[in-house]
Amino acid sequence: TFSVAGITMQGSPMYNLFLRMLGITFCGHAIIFETLSYEHEFLTLGHMTLIYQSLIGGHYVVYDKVTIGPCKITGIIHPGVFAANAIVTSKESGPWRTYIGTYQDVFVDDFVDDESYHA
């Protein structure tokens, strides 16, 4: 969600409205600054959430397995945090932490079935 409009509105209620239109679910008040987010329809931000310079999304890939699912974030998320298909419920998540696959899987796809791909 990188755009000129997004940069000028970050941290405002208008930015939250913009993210809500993209599909992010808000469960209370949240402030989001300079955050990259993917799979908006899978993201839920809890009450009193502050996210700054982090990457959140609903998918991760391990070799040829793509896992897509929900990601729920609450609390203060410091710069560099990466959360993918995860549930983060701590009051504060320190910088450069990684949360991957701690939420229940919704969809797993073996998108590489052709053995010639691995040649």
Protein backbone atom coordinates (compact mmCIF):
# COMPACT_ATOMS: atom_id res chain seq x y z
CA THR A 1 0.00 0.00 0.00
CA PHE A 2 2.65 2.51 -1.07
CA SER A 3 1.27 5.64 -2.72
CA VAL A 4 1.55 9.41 -2.49
CA ALA A 5 -1.92 9.60 -0.95
CA GLY A 6 -0.92 6.93 1.57
CA ILE A 7 2.21 8.81 2.59
CA THR A 8 0.35 12.05 3.22
CA MET A 9 -2.44 10.37 5.22
CA GLN A 10 -0.39 7.97 7.38
CA GLY A 11 -1.39 7.94 11.02
CA SER A 12 -4.72 9.66 10.35
CA PRO A 13 -8.27 8.34 10.47
CA MET A 14 -8.41 8.86 6.68
CA TYR A 15 -5.56 6.39 6.22
CA ASN A 16 -7.43 3.83 8.32
CA LEU A 17 -10.50 4.41 6.16
CA PHE A 18 -8.36 3.89 3.05
CA LEU A 19 -7.00 0.61 4.49
CA ARG A 20 -10.52 -0.45 5.46
CA MET A 21 -11.60 0.08 1.84
CA LEU A 22 -8.72 -2.18 0.76
CA GLY A 23 -10.07 -4.91 3.05
CA ILE A 24 -8.21 -4.65 6.38
CA THR A 25 -10.44 -5.31 9.41
CA PHE A 26 -10.12 -2.93 12.37
CA CYS A 27 -11.27 -4.06 15.82
CA GLY A 28 -10.96 -0.71 17.56
CA HIS A 29 -8.47 2.12 17.23
CA ALA A 30 -5.19 1.64 15.35
CA ILE A 31 -2.42 3.90 14.08
CA ILE A 32 -0.37 2.76 11.10
CA PHE A 33 2.80 4.49 9.85
CA GLU A 34 4.96 3.46 6.87
CA THR A 35 3.84 -0.16 6.83
CA LEU A 36 3.84 -2.54 3.88
CA SER A 37 0.79 -4.76 3.95
CA TYR A 38 -0.27 -7.54 1.63
CA GLU A 39 -3.45 -9.68 1.33
CA HIS A 40 -5.54 -6.99 2.98
CA GLU A 41 -8.63 -9.17 3.26
CA PHE A 42 -6.72 -11.50 5.62
CA LEU A 43 -5.44 -8.78 7.98
CA THR A 44 -7.09 -7.87 11.29
CA LEU A 45 -5.76 -5.08 13.50
CA GLY A 46 -6.85 -5.15 17.13
CA HIS A 47 -7.73 -2.31 19.50
CA MET A 48 -4.86 0.02 20.50
CA THR A 49 -2.53 -1.20 17.75
CA LEU A 50 0.42 0.90 16.62
CA ILE A 51 2.43 -0.33 13.63
CA TYR A 52 5.53 1.50 12.41
CA GLN A 53 7.79 0.48 9.50
CA SER A 54 6.84 -3.19 9.49
CA LEU A 55 5.72 -5.75 6.96
CA ILE A 56 2.48 -7.66 7.57
CA GLY A 57 0.76 -10.09 5.26
CA GLY A 58 -1.29 -13.21 4.96
CA HIS A 59 1.12 -15.50 3.12
CA TYR A 60 4.50 -17.14 3.37
CA VAL A 61 6.36 -19.60 1.15
CA VAL A 62 8.61 -22.51 2.09
CA TYR A 63 10.15 -24.08 -1.02
CA ASP A 64 7.15 -25.06 -3.17
CA LYS A 65 4.48 -24.70 -0.46
CA VAL A 66 2.49 -21.47 -0.41
CA THR A 67 0.50 -20.89 2.77
CA ILE A 68 -2.19 -18.23 2.73
CA GLY A 69 -4.20 -17.34 5.79
CA PRO A 70 -5.26 -14.73 8.32
CA CYS A 71 -2.94 -12.44 10.23
CA LYS A 72 -4.09 -10.73 13.46
CA ILE A 73 -1.96 -7.99 14.98
CA THR A 74 -2.43 -6.20 18.31
CA GLY A 75 -0.15 -4.07 20.45
CA ILE A 76 2.86 -1.95 19.52
CA ILE A 77 4.77 -3.27 16.53
CA HIS A 78 8.26 -1.75 16.25
CA PRO A 79 10.22 -1.18 13.02
CA GLY A 80 11.39 -4.23 11.11
CA VAL A 81 8.80 -6.68 12.42
CA PHE A 82 7.67 -9.23 9.83
CA ALA A 83 4.34 -10.99 10.46
CA ALA A 84 2.94 -13.43 7.91
CA ASN A 85 -0.06 -15.66 8.58
CA ALA A 86 0.53 -14.99 12.26
CA ILE A 87 -1.22 -13.95 15.43
CA VAL A 88 0.64 -11.34 17.48
CA THR A 89 -1.11 -10.50 20.74
CA SER A 90 1.71 -9.19 22.92
CA LYS A 91 1.60 -5.64 24.27
CA GLU A 92 4.84 -4.84 22.48
CA SER A 93 6.85 -6.63 19.79
CA GLY A 94 10.50 -5.68 19.72
CA PRO A 95 12.30 -4.51 16.59
CA TRP A 96 13.29 -7.03 13.91
CA ARG A 97 11.12 -9.86 15.22
CA THR A 98 9.60 -12.42 12.89
CA TYR A 99 6.23 -14.12 13.32
CA ILE A 100 5.49 -16.69 10.63
CA GLY A 101 2.74 -19.29 10.48
CA THR A 102 1.49 -19.02 14.04
CA TYR A 103 -2.11 -18.77 12.83
CA GLN A 104 -4.14 -21.76 11.63
CA ASP A 105 -3.65 -22.50 7.90
CA VAL A 106 -6.55 -21.67 5.60
CA PHE A 107 -5.14 -22.65 2.23
CA VAL A 108 -2.03 -24.59 1.21
CA ASP A 109 -1.19 -24.96 -2.45
CA ASP A 110 1.52 -26.99 -4.16
CA PHE A 111 1.83 -24.64 -7.09
CA VAL A 112 4.82 -26.50 -8.56
CA ASP A 113 3.63 -29.94 -9.60
CA ASP A 114 5.76 -30.17 -12.73
CA GLU A 115 9.00 -32.07 -12.01
CA SER A 116 10.72 -30.34 -14.97
CA TYR A 117 10.55 -27.08 -12.98
CA HIS A 118 13.16 -28.42 -10.54
CA ALA A 119 15.64 -29.37 -13.32
